[in-house]
Amino acid sequence: MNISVELTLTPIQDNYEPAIINFIKKMRESGLTVKENPLSTQVYGDYDEVMGLLNKEIKNAFEAIDRGLMYVKIVKSDRSEYAADF
């Protein structure tokens, strides 16, 4: 089963950029399909692979910050090829 996940890591601290950059780099290194925009990062792939990666890397990201939020949306389908046609 394939899924699409949208993630936004929001560290609640002054020096927030290193944690976000490191998290995005870990997503890129995964070998899964990853897309980025200024507001979020999307990861696409097999449910078990994506969730295994997120379980590990969200924990690592939280351990690297004092306080923070992780917004997550999951869709049961691979939407990586979506393009607006309007």
Protein backbone atom coordinates (compact mmCIF):
# COMPACT_ATOMS: atom_id res chain seq x y z
CA MET A 1 0.00 0.00 0.00
CA ASN A 2 1.40 3.38 -1.01
CA ILE A 3 0.95 6.59 0.95
CA SER A 4 1.70 10.29 0.64
CA VAL A 5 2.77 12.19 3.76
CA GLU A 6 3.04 15.93 4.24
CA LEU A 7 5.28 17.06 7.11
CA THR A 8 6.06 20.37 8.73
CA LEU A 9 8.65 20.46 11.51
CA THR A 10 8.34 23.58 13.66
CA PRO A 11 10.99 23.92 16.37
CA ILE A 12 9.91 26.42 19.02
CA GLN A 13 13.28 27.99 19.68
CA ASP A 14 15.54 30.74 18.33
CA ASN A 15 18.03 28.55 16.46
CA TYR A 16 15.46 26.54 14.50
CA GLU A 17 16.97 26.22 11.01
CA PRO A 18 19.60 23.49 11.68
CA ALA A 19 16.96 21.05 12.96
CA ILE A 20 14.74 21.61 9.91
CA ILE A 21 17.64 21.32 7.46
CA ASN A 22 18.88 18.11 9.09
CA PHE A 23 15.38 16.58 9.03
CA ILE A 24 14.93 17.38 5.33
CA LYS A 25 18.38 15.96 4.50
CA LYS A 26 17.45 12.70 6.24
CA MET A 27 14.28 12.50 4.15
CA ARG A 28 16.31 13.08 0.97
CA GLU A 29 18.83 10.37 1.90
CA SER A 30 16.08 7.78 2.36
CA GLY A 31 15.73 6.85 -1.31
CA LEU A 32 12.00 7.54 -1.17
CA THR A 33 10.34 10.16 -3.36
CA VAL A 34 10.64 13.49 -1.53
CA LYS A 35 9.31 16.88 -2.60
CA GLU A 36 9.80 20.16 -0.80
CA ASN A 37 8.25 23.59 -0.82
CA PRO A 38 8.62 26.58 1.53
CA LEU A 39 5.87 25.33 3.85
CA SER A 40 6.29 21.55 4.02
CA THR A 41 8.04 18.40 2.87
CA GLN A 42 6.21 15.53 1.21
CA VAL A 43 7.34 11.90 1.30
CA TYR A 44 5.85 9.21 -0.94
CA GLY A 45 6.19 5.45 -0.97
CA ASP A 46 5.29 2.13 0.60
CA TYR A 47 3.49 2.51 3.93
CA ASP A 48 5.95 0.40 5.93
CA GLU A 49 9.01 2.12 4.45
CA VAL A 50 7.66 5.64 4.91
CA MET A 51 6.36 5.07 8.43
CA GLY A 52 9.56 3.30 9.48
CA LEU A 53 11.60 6.27 8.26
CA LEU A 54 9.29 8.79 9.92
CA ASN A 55 9.25 6.91 13.21
CA LYS A 56 13.05 7.05 13.36
CA GLU A 57 13.60 10.56 12.00
CA ILE A 58 10.82 12.32 13.89
CA LYS A 59 12.26 10.90 17.10
CA ASN A 60 15.75 12.09 16.10
CA ALA A 61 14.39 15.54 15.20
CA PHE A 62 12.59 15.87 18.53
CA GLU A 63 15.70 14.78 20.43
CA ALA A 64 17.65 17.58 18.69
CA ILE A 65 15.31 20.40 19.77
CA ASP A 66 14.08 21.76 23.10
CA ARG A 67 10.45 22.15 22.06
CA GLY A 68 8.64 21.76 18.80
CA LEU A 69 5.71 20.62 16.72
CA MET A 70 5.43 18.15 13.86
CA TYR A 71 2.40 18.52 11.63
CA VAL A 72 1.63 15.34 9.67
CA LYS A 73 -0.99 14.57 7.01
CA ILE A 74 -1.24 11.08 5.51
CA VAL A 75 -3.14 10.16 2.34
CA LYS A 76 -3.72 6.56 1.33
CA SER A 77 -2.37 6.85 -2.22
CA ASP A 78 0.77 7.98 -3.98
CA ARG A 79 0.09 11.57 -5.04
CA SER A 80 3.67 12.30 -6.13
CA GLU A 81 2.67 12.74 -9.79
CA TYR A 82 -0.20 15.12 -9.05
CA ALA A 83 -0.27 18.29 -11.11
CA ALA A 84 -3.06 20.84 -11.04
CA ASP A 85 -4.77 21.01 -14.41
CA PHE A 86 -6.75 24.19 -13.96
